[in-house]
Amino acid sequence: MKAKITITLKNGVLDPQGKAIEGALMGLGFEGASEVRQGKVIELKLDETDEASARTKTEEMCKKLLANPVMENYSIEILA
């Protein structure tokens, strides 16, 4: 199975990279783009065959290493 994890900063956490992207978009003439937030996507292959086990293992990975729960939100998508 594969897991796809999307990690974003929580609302209220300063996102300087998002602000830089927003400024660059405006500089390129793309008006109307605001509140740009930047994040990351992690994809990984798991040896699990059961979706519930794969989700549990991925959740543990996020809590222990992949995401900072103080500053970041994450969502997990399990793909067959």
PDB file of N, CA and C in Angstrom:
ATOM      1  N   MET A   1       0.835  -1.175   0.000  1.00  0.00           N
ATOM      2  CA  MET A   1       0.000   0.000   0.000  1.00  0.00           C
ATOM      3  C   MET A   1       0.880   1.239   0.000  1.00  0.00           C
ATOM      4  N   LYS A   2       0.296   2.332  -0.431  1.00  0.00           N
ATOM      5  CA  LYS A   2       0.997   3.609  -0.404  1.00  0.00           C
ATOM      6  C   LYS A   2       0.251   4.563   0.507  1.00  0.00           C
ATOM      7  N   ALA A   3       1.002   5.459   1.120  1.00  0.00           N
ATOM      8  CA  ALA A   3       0.414   6.506   1.949  1.00  0.00           C
ATOM      9  C   ALA A   3       0.849   7.850   1.390  1.00  0.00           C
ATOM     10  N   LYS A   4      -0.081   8.780   1.361  1.00  0.00           N
ATOM     11  CA  LYS A   4       0.203  10.144   0.931  1.00  0.00           C
ATOM     12  C   LYS A   4      -0.156  11.055   2.104  1.00  0.00           C
ATOM     13  N   ILE A   5       0.829  11.786   2.601  1.00  0.00           N
ATOM     14  CA  ILE A   5       0.656  12.654   3.754  1.00  0.00           C
ATOM     15  C   ILE A   5       0.816  14.099   3.295  1.00  0.00           C
ATOM     16  N   THR A   6      -0.176  14.916   3.584  1.00  0.00           N
ATOM     17  CA  THR A   6      -0.128  16.338   3.266  1.00  0.00           C
ATOM     18  C   THR A   6       0.027  17.098   4.578  1.00  0.00           C
ATOM     19  N   ILE A   7       1.082  17.900   4.665  1.00  0.00           N
ATOM     20  CA  ILE A   7       1.402  18.633   5.889  1.00  0.00           C
ATOM     21  C   ILE A   7       1.349  20.126   5.606  1.00  0.00           C
ATOM     22  N   THR A   8       0.596  20.849   6.427  1.00  0.00           N
ATOM     23  CA  THR A   8       0.488  22.301   6.289  1.00  0.00           C
ATOM     24  C   THR A   8       0.644  22.952   7.657  1.00  0.00           C
ATOM     25  N   LEU A   9       1.050  24.210   7.640  1.00  0.00           N
ATOM     26  CA  LEU A   9       1.138  24.955   8.886  1.00  0.00           C
ATOM     27  C   LEU A   9      -0.256  25.252   9.402  1.00  0.00           C
ATOM     28  N   LYS A  10      -0.411  25.239  10.723  1.00  0.00           N
ATOM     29  CA  LYS A  10      -1.690  25.579  11.326  1.00  0.00           C
ATOM     30  C   LYS A  10      -1.997  27.049  11.093  1.00  0.00           C
ATOM     31  N   ASN A  11      -3.290  27.379  11.092  1.00  0.00           N
ATOM     32  CA  ASN A  11      -3.695  28.776  10.986  1.00  0.00           C
ATOM     33  C   ASN A  11      -3.106  29.549  12.159  1.00  0.00           C
ATOM     34  N   GLY A  12      -2.642  30.736  11.879  1.00  0.00           N
ATOM     35  CA  GLY A  12      -2.045  31.561  12.920  1.00  0.00           C
ATOM     36  C   GLY A  12      -0.538  31.422  13.019  1.00  0.00           C
ATOM     37  N   VAL A  13       0.030  30.377  12.424  1.00  0.00           N
ATOM     38  CA  VAL A  13       1.480  30.197  12.412  1.00  0.00           C
ATOM     39  C   VAL A  13       2.026  30.977  11.224  1.00  0.00           C
ATOM     40  N   LEU A  14       3.000  31.836  11.481  1.00  0.00           N
ATOM     41  CA  LEU A  14       3.607  32.653  10.440  1.00  0.00           C
ATOM     42  C   LEU A  14       4.204  31.761   9.348  1.00  0.00           C
ATOM     43  N   ASP A  15       3.929  32.108   8.104  1.00  0.00           N
ATOM     44  CA  ASP A  15       4.407  31.332   6.959  1.00  0.00           C
ATOM     45  C   ASP A  15       5.189  32.251   6.020  1.00  0.00           C
ATOM     46  N   PRO A  16       6.477  32.494   6.324  1.00  0.00           N
ATOM     47  CA  PRO A  16       7.251  33.396   5.476  1.00  0.00           C
ATOM     48  C   PRO A  16       7.405  32.912   4.037  1.00  0.00           C
ATOM     49  N   GLN A  17       7.467  31.619   3.840  1.00  0.00           N
ATOM     50  CA  GLN A  17       7.587  31.092   2.478  1.00  0.00           C
ATOM     51  C   GLN A  17       6.293  31.342   1.697  1.00  0.00           C
ATOM     52  N   GLY A  18       5.161  31.188   2.356  1.00  0.00           N
ATOM     53  CA  GLY A  18       3.886  31.493   1.718  1.00  0.00           C
ATOM     54  C   GLY A  18       3.796  32.959   1.330  1.00  0.00           C
ATOM     55  N   LYS A  19       4.280  33.853   2.220  1.00  0.00           N
ATOM     56  CA  LYS A  19       4.282  35.290   1.929  1.00  0.00           C
ATOM     57  C   LYS A  19       5.188  35.592   0.735  1.00  0.00           C
ATOM     58  N   ALA A  20       6.336  34.927   0.660  1.00  0.00           N
ATOM     59  CA  ALA A  20       7.254  35.134  -0.463  1.00  0.00           C
ATOM     60  C   ALA A  20       6.607  34.685  -1.773  1.00  0.00           C
ATOM     61  N   ILE A  21       5.908  33.566  -1.742  1.00  0.00           N
ATOM     62  CA  ILE A  21       5.212  33.080  -2.935  1.00  0.00           C
ATOM     63  C   ILE A  21       4.132  34.073  -3.343  1.00  0.00           C
ATOM     64  N   GLU A  22       3.382  34.559  -2.357  1.00  0.00           N
ATOM     65  CA  GLU A  22       2.332  35.544  -2.632  1.00  0.00           C
ATOM     66  C   GLU A  22       2.906  36.789  -3.296  1.00  0.00           C
ATOM     67  N   GLY A  23       4.020  37.289  -2.770  1.00  0.00           N
ATOM     68  CA  GLY A  23       4.667  38.461  -3.356  1.00  0.00           C
ATOM     69  C   GLY A  23       5.158  38.203  -4.764  1.00  0.00           C
ATOM     70  N   ALA A  24       5.724  37.019  -4.994  1.00  0.00           N
ATOM     71  CA  ALA A  24       6.219  36.671  -6.324  1.00  0.00           C
ATOM     72  C   ALA A  24       5.071  36.571  -7.327  1.00  0.00           C
ATOM     73  N   LEU A  25       3.956  35.998  -6.893  1.00  0.00           N
ATOM     74  CA  LEU A  25       2.793  35.907  -7.785  1.00  0.00           C
ATOM     75  C   LEU A  25       2.300  37.297  -8.174  1.00  0.00           C
ATOM     76  N   MET A  26       2.241  38.195  -7.201  1.00  0.00           N
ATOM     77  CA  MET A  26       1.813  39.562  -7.485  1.00  0.00           C
ATOM     78  C   MET A  26       2.800  40.237  -8.434  1.00  0.00           C
ATOM     79  N   GLY A  27       4.100  39.992  -8.213  1.00  0.00           N
ATOM     80  CA  GLY A  27       5.128  40.562  -9.079  1.00  0.00           C
ATOM     81  C   GLY A  27       5.039  40.069 -10.514  1.00  0.00           C
ATOM     82  N   LEU A  28       4.494  38.879 -10.688  1.00  0.00           N
ATOM     83  CA  LEU A  28       4.317  38.305 -12.030  1.00  0.00           C
ATOM     84  C   LEU A  28       2.976  38.686 -12.653  1.00  0.00           C
ATOM     85  N   GLY A  29       2.217  39.508 -11.930  1.00  0.00           N
ATOM     86  CA  GLY A  29       0.952  39.982 -12.481  1.00  0.00           C
ATOM     87  C   GLY A  29      -0.260  39.149 -12.128  1.00  0.00           C
ATOM     88  N   PHE A  30      -0.115  38.195 -11.235  1.00  0.00           N
ATOM     89  CA  PHE A  30      -1.250  37.370 -10.814  1.00  0.00           C
ATOM     90  C   PHE A  30      -1.942  38.039  -9.636  1.00  0.00           C
ATOM     91  N   GLU A  31      -2.851  38.950  -9.944  1.00  0.00           N
ATOM     92  CA  GLU A  31      -3.579  39.678  -8.904  1.00  0.00           C
ATOM     93  C   GLU A  31      -4.680  38.793  -8.320  1.00  0.00           C
ATOM     94  N   GLY A  32      -5.034  39.050  -7.096  1.00  0.00           N
ATOM     95  CA  GLY A  32      -6.151  38.348  -6.472  1.00  0.00           C
ATOM     96  C   GLY A  32      -5.761  37.099  -5.706  1.00  0.00           C
ATOM     97  N   ALA A  33      -4.507  36.722  -5.720  1.00  0.00           N
ATOM     98  CA  ALA A  33      -4.058  35.578  -4.920  1.00  0.00           C
ATOM     99  C   ALA A  33      -3.626  36.117  -3.561  1.00  0.00           C
ATOM    100  N   SER A  34      -4.249  35.602  -2.500  1.00  0.00           N
ATOM    101  CA  SER A  34      -3.892  36.090  -1.168  1.00  0.00           C
ATOM    102  C   SER A  34      -3.929  34.945  -0.166  1.00  0.00           C
ATOM    103  N   GLU A  35      -3.396  35.212   1.013  1.00  0.00           N
ATOM    104  CA  GLU A  35      -3.348  34.229   2.095  1.00  0.00           C
ATOM    105  C   GLU A  35      -2.706  32.918   1.622  1.00  0.00           C
ATOM    106  N   VAL A  36      -1.617  33.034   0.881  1.00  0.00           N
ATOM    107  CA  VAL A  36      -0.917  31.860   0.351  1.00  0.00           C
ATOM    108  C   VAL A  36      -0.256  31.116   1.504  1.00  0.00           C
ATOM    109  N   ARG A  37      -0.488  29.829   1.580  1.00  0.00           N
ATOM    110  CA  ARG A  37       0.126  28.961   2.588  1.00  0.00           C
ATOM    111  C   ARG A  37       0.901  27.877   1.849  1.00  0.00           C
ATOM    112  N   GLN A  38       2.055  27.570   2.322  1.00  0.00           N
ATOM    113  CA  GLN A  38       2.933  26.598   1.700  1.00  0.00           C
ATOM    114  C   GLN A  38       2.976  25.359   2.581  1.00  0.00           C
ATOM    115  N   GLY A  39       3.096  24.187   1.983  1.00  0.00           N
ATOM    116  CA  GLY A  39       3.151  22.949   2.744  1.00  0.00           C
ATOM    117  C   GLY A  39       4.036  21.930   2.052  1.00  0.00           C
ATOM    118  N   LYS A  40       3.875  20.680   2.450  1.00  0.00           N
ATOM    119  CA  LYS A  40       4.666  19.619   1.820  1.00  0.00           C
ATOM    120  C   LYS A  40       3.823  18.354   1.717  1.00  0.00           C
ATOM    121  N   VAL A  41       4.197  17.514   0.764  1.00  0.00           N
ATOM    122  CA  VAL A  41       3.540  16.232   0.552  1.00  0.00           C
ATOM    123  C   VAL A  41       4.605  15.151   0.629  1.00  0.00           C
ATOM    124  N   ILE A  42       4.309  14.126   1.401  1.00  0.00           N
ATOM    125  CA  ILE A  42       5.220  12.983   1.526  1.00  0.00           C
ATOM    126  C   ILE A  42       4.462  11.746   1.062  1.00  0.00           C
ATOM    127  N   GLU A  43       5.064  10.993   0.153  1.00  0.00           N
ATOM    128  CA  GLU A  43       4.482   9.732  -0.297  1.00  0.00           C
ATOM    129  C   GLU A  43       5.436   8.614   0.069  1.00  0.00           C
ATOM    130  N   LEU A  44       4.878   7.517   0.566  1.00  0.00           N
ATOM    131  CA  LEU A  44       5.726   6.384   0.919  1.00  0.00           C
ATOM    132  C   LEU A  44       4.995   5.077   0.701  1.00  0.00           C
ATOM    133  N   LYS A  45       5.767   4.024   0.480  1.00  0.00           N
ATOM    134  CA  LYS A  45       5.220   2.694   0.278  1.00  0.00           C
ATOM    135  C   LYS A  45       5.311   1.939   1.591  1.00  0.00           C
ATOM    136  N   LEU A  46       4.242   1.245   1.939  1.00  0.00           N
ATOM    137  CA  LEU A  46       4.196   0.458   3.165  1.00  0.00           C
ATOM    138  C   LEU A  46       4.041  -1.015   2.828  1.00  0.00           C
ATOM    139  N   ASP A  47       4.602  -1.882   3.658  1.00  0.00           N
ATOM    140  CA  ASP A  47       4.457  -3.325   3.463  1.00  0.00           C
ATOM    141  C   ASP A  47       3.108  -3.835   3.963  1.00  0.00           C
ATOM    142  N   GLU A  48       2.315  -2.973   4.575  1.00  0.00           N
ATOM    143  CA  GLU A  48       1.015  -3.374   5.117  1.00  0.00           C
ATOM    144  C   GLU A  48       0.060  -3.789   3.988  1.00  0.00           C
ATOM    145  N   THR A  49      -0.835  -4.728   4.292  1.00  0.00           N
ATOM    146  CA  THR A  49      -1.855  -5.125   3.327  1.00  0.00           C
ATOM    147  C   THR A  49      -3.247  -4.701   3.794  1.00  0.00           C
ATOM    148  N   ASP A  50      -3.346  -4.330   5.052  1.00  0.00           N
ATOM    149  CA  ASP A  50      -4.609  -3.895   5.638  1.00  0.00           C
ATOM    150  C   ASP A  50      -4.628  -2.370   5.753  1.00  0.00           C
ATOM    151  N   GLU A  51      -5.688  -1.732   5.247  1.00  0.00           N
ATOM    152  CA  GLU A  51      -5.757  -0.274   5.233  1.00  0.00           C
ATOM    153  C   GLU A  51      -5.713   0.324   6.645  1.00  0.00           C
ATOM    154  N   ALA A  52      -6.399  -0.300   7.590  1.00  0.00           N
ATOM    155  CA  ALA A  52      -6.413   0.216   8.967  1.00  0.00           C
ATOM    156  C   ALA A  52      -5.008   0.171   9.573  1.00  0.00           C
ATOM    157  N   SER A  53      -4.282  -0.903   9.342  1.00  0.00           N
ATOM    158  CA  SER A  53      -2.905  -1.019   9.851  1.00  0.00           C
ATOM    159  C   SER A  53      -2.002   0.009   9.194  1.00  0.00           C
ATOM    160  N   ALA A  54      -2.178   0.197   7.902  1.00  0.00           N
ATOM    161  CA  ALA A  54      -1.376   1.179   7.170  1.00  0.00           C
ATOM    162  C   ALA A  54      -1.632   2.580   7.710  1.00  0.00           C
ATOM    163  N   ARG A  55      -2.893   2.913   7.976  1.00  0.00           N
ATOM    164  CA  ARG A  55      -3.234   4.232   8.516  1.00  0.00           C
ATOM    165  C   ARG A  55      -2.648   4.413   9.912  1.00  0.00           C
ATOM    166  N   THR A  56      -2.744   3.385  10.751  1.00  0.00           N
ATOM    167  CA  THR A  56      -2.207   3.456  12.113  1.00  0.00           C
ATOM    168  C   THR A  56      -0.704   3.673  12.085  1.00  0.00           C
ATOM    169  N   LYS A  57      -0.004   2.931  11.244  1.00  0.00           N
ATOM    170  CA  LYS A  57       1.445   3.064  11.145  1.00  0.00           C
ATOM    171  C   LYS A  57       1.835   4.450  10.633  1.00  0.00           C
ATOM    172  N   THR A  58       1.109   4.938   9.632  1.00  0.00           N
ATOM    173  CA  THR A  58       1.393   6.258   9.071  1.00  0.00           C
ATOM    174  C   THR A  58       1.121   7.351  10.101  1.00  0.00           C
ATOM    175  N   GLU A  59       0.062   7.186  10.871  1.00  0.00           N
ATOM    176  CA  GLU A  59      -0.263   8.139  11.942  1.00  0.00           C
ATOM    177  C   GLU A  59       0.887   8.219  12.954  1.00  0.00           C
ATOM    178  N   GLU A  60       1.423   7.061  13.326  1.00  0.00           N
ATOM    179  CA  GLU A  60       2.579   7.021  14.251  1.00  0.00           C
ATOM    180  C   GLU A  60       3.778   7.754  13.656  1.00  0.00           C
ATOM    181  N   MET A  61       4.045   7.537  12.364  1.00  0.00           N
ATOM    182  CA  MET A  61       5.166   8.200  11.691  1.00  0.00           C
ATOM    183  C   MET A  61       5.002   9.714  11.742  1.00  0.00           C
ATOM    184  N   CYS A  62       3.779  10.171  11.524  1.00  0.00           N
ATOM    185  CA  CYS A  62       3.513  11.612  11.541  1.00  0.00           C
ATOM    186  C   CYS A  62       3.745  12.186  12.928  1.00  0.00           C
ATOM    187  N   LYS A  63       3.237  11.508  13.942  1.00  0.00           N
ATOM    188  CA  LYS A  63       3.369  11.995  15.319  1.00  0.00           C
ATOM    189  C   LYS A  63       4.812  12.001  15.802  1.00  0.00           C
ATOM    190  N   LYS A  64       5.592  11.001  15.376  1.00  0.00           N
ATOM    191  CA  LYS A  64       6.965  10.860  15.886  1.00  0.00           C
ATOM    192  C   LYS A  64       8.020  11.589  15.056  1.00  0.00           C
ATOM    193  N   LEU A  65       7.759  11.813  13.751  1.00  0.00           N
ATOM    194  CA  LEU A  65       8.814  12.372  12.915  1.00  0.00           C
ATOM    195  C   LEU A  65       8.337  13.333  11.819  1.00  0.00           C
ATOM    196  N   LEU A  66       7.341  12.948  11.064  1.00  0.00           N
ATOM    197  CA  LEU A  66       7.038  13.653   9.827  1.00  0.00           C
ATOM    198  C   LEU A  66       6.399  15.018  10.021  1.00  0.00           C
ATOM    199  N   ALA A  67       5.632  15.207  11.084  1.00  0.00           N
ATOM    200  CA  ALA A  67       4.949  16.480  11.313  1.00  0.00           C
ATOM    201  C   ALA A  67       5.231  16.969  12.733  1.00  0.00           C
ATOM    202  N   ASN A  68       5.205  18.274  12.886  1.00  0.00           N
ATOM    203  CA  ASN A  68       5.320  18.890  14.207  1.00  0.00           C
ATOM    204  C   ASN A  68       3.905  19.258  14.645  1.00  0.00           C
ATOM    205  N   PRO A  69       3.295  18.470  15.533  1.00  0.00           N
ATOM    206  CA  PRO A  69       1.892  18.695  15.883  1.00  0.00           C
ATOM    207  C   PRO A  69       1.620  20.031  16.567  1.00  0.00           C
ATOM    208  N   VAL A  70       2.639  20.696  17.057  1.00  0.00           N
ATOM    209  CA  VAL A  70       2.468  22.012  17.673  1.00  0.00           C
ATOM    210  C   VAL A  70       2.192  23.064  16.601  1.00  0.00           C
ATOM    211  N   MET A  71       2.850  22.934  15.453  1.00  0.00           N
ATOM    212  CA  MET A  71       2.773  23.951  14.402  1.00  0.00           C
ATOM    213  C   MET A  71       2.083  23.494  13.128  1.00  0.00           C
ATOM    214  N   GLU A  72       1.926  22.186  12.947  1.00  0.00           N
ATOM    215  CA  GLU A  72       1.460  21.683  11.658  1.00  0.00           C
ATOM    216  C   GLU A  72       0.230  20.779  11.786  1.00  0.00           C
ATOM    217  N   ASN A  73      -0.599  20.841  10.765  1.00  0.00           N
ATOM    218  CA  ASN A  73      -1.693  19.887  10.577  1.00  0.00           C
ATOM    219  C   ASN A  73      -1.245  18.891   9.525  1.00  0.00           C
ATOM    220  N   TYR A  74      -1.808  17.703   9.566  1.00  0.00           N
ATOM    221  CA  TYR A  74      -1.518  16.739   8.505  1.00  0.00           C
ATOM    222  C   TYR A  74      -2.758  15.925   8.194  1.00  0.00           C
ATOM    223  N   SER A  75      -2.819  15.460   6.961  1.00  0.00           N
ATOM    224  CA  SER A  75      -3.886  14.545   6.561  1.00  0.00           C
ATOM    225  C   SER A  75      -3.236  13.362   5.865  1.00  0.00           C
ATOM    226  N   ILE A  76      -3.861  12.209   6.028  1.00  0.00           N
ATOM    227  CA  ILE A  76      -3.313  10.966   5.498  1.00  0.00           C
ATOM    228  C   ILE A  76      -4.310  10.378   4.506  1.00  0.00           C
ATOM    229  N   GLU A  77      -3.777   9.963   3.360  1.00  0.00           N
ATOM    230  CA  GLU A  77      -4.575   9.271   2.355  1.00  0.00           C
ATOM    231  C   GLU A  77      -3.889   7.939   2.086  1.00  0.00           C
ATOM    232  N   ILE A  78      -4.608   6.848   2.277  1.00  0.00           N
ATOM    233  CA  ILE A  78      -4.061   5.525   2.005  1.00  0.00           C
ATOM    234  C   ILE A  78      -4.514   5.111   0.603  1.00  0.00           C
ATOM    235  N   LEU A  79      -3.537   4.749  -0.227  1.00  0.00           N
ATOM    236  CA  LEU A  79      -3.806   4.351  -1.606  1.00  0.00           C
ATOM    237  C   LEU A  79      -3.500   2.882  -1.778  1.00  0.00           C
ATOM    238  N   ALA A  80      -4.348   2.190  -2.490  1.00  0.00           N
ATOM    239  CA  ALA A  80      -4.152   0.748  -2.699  1.00  0.00           C
ATOM    240  C   ALA A  80      -2.987   0.466  -3.612  1.00  0.00           C
TER     241      ALA A  80
END
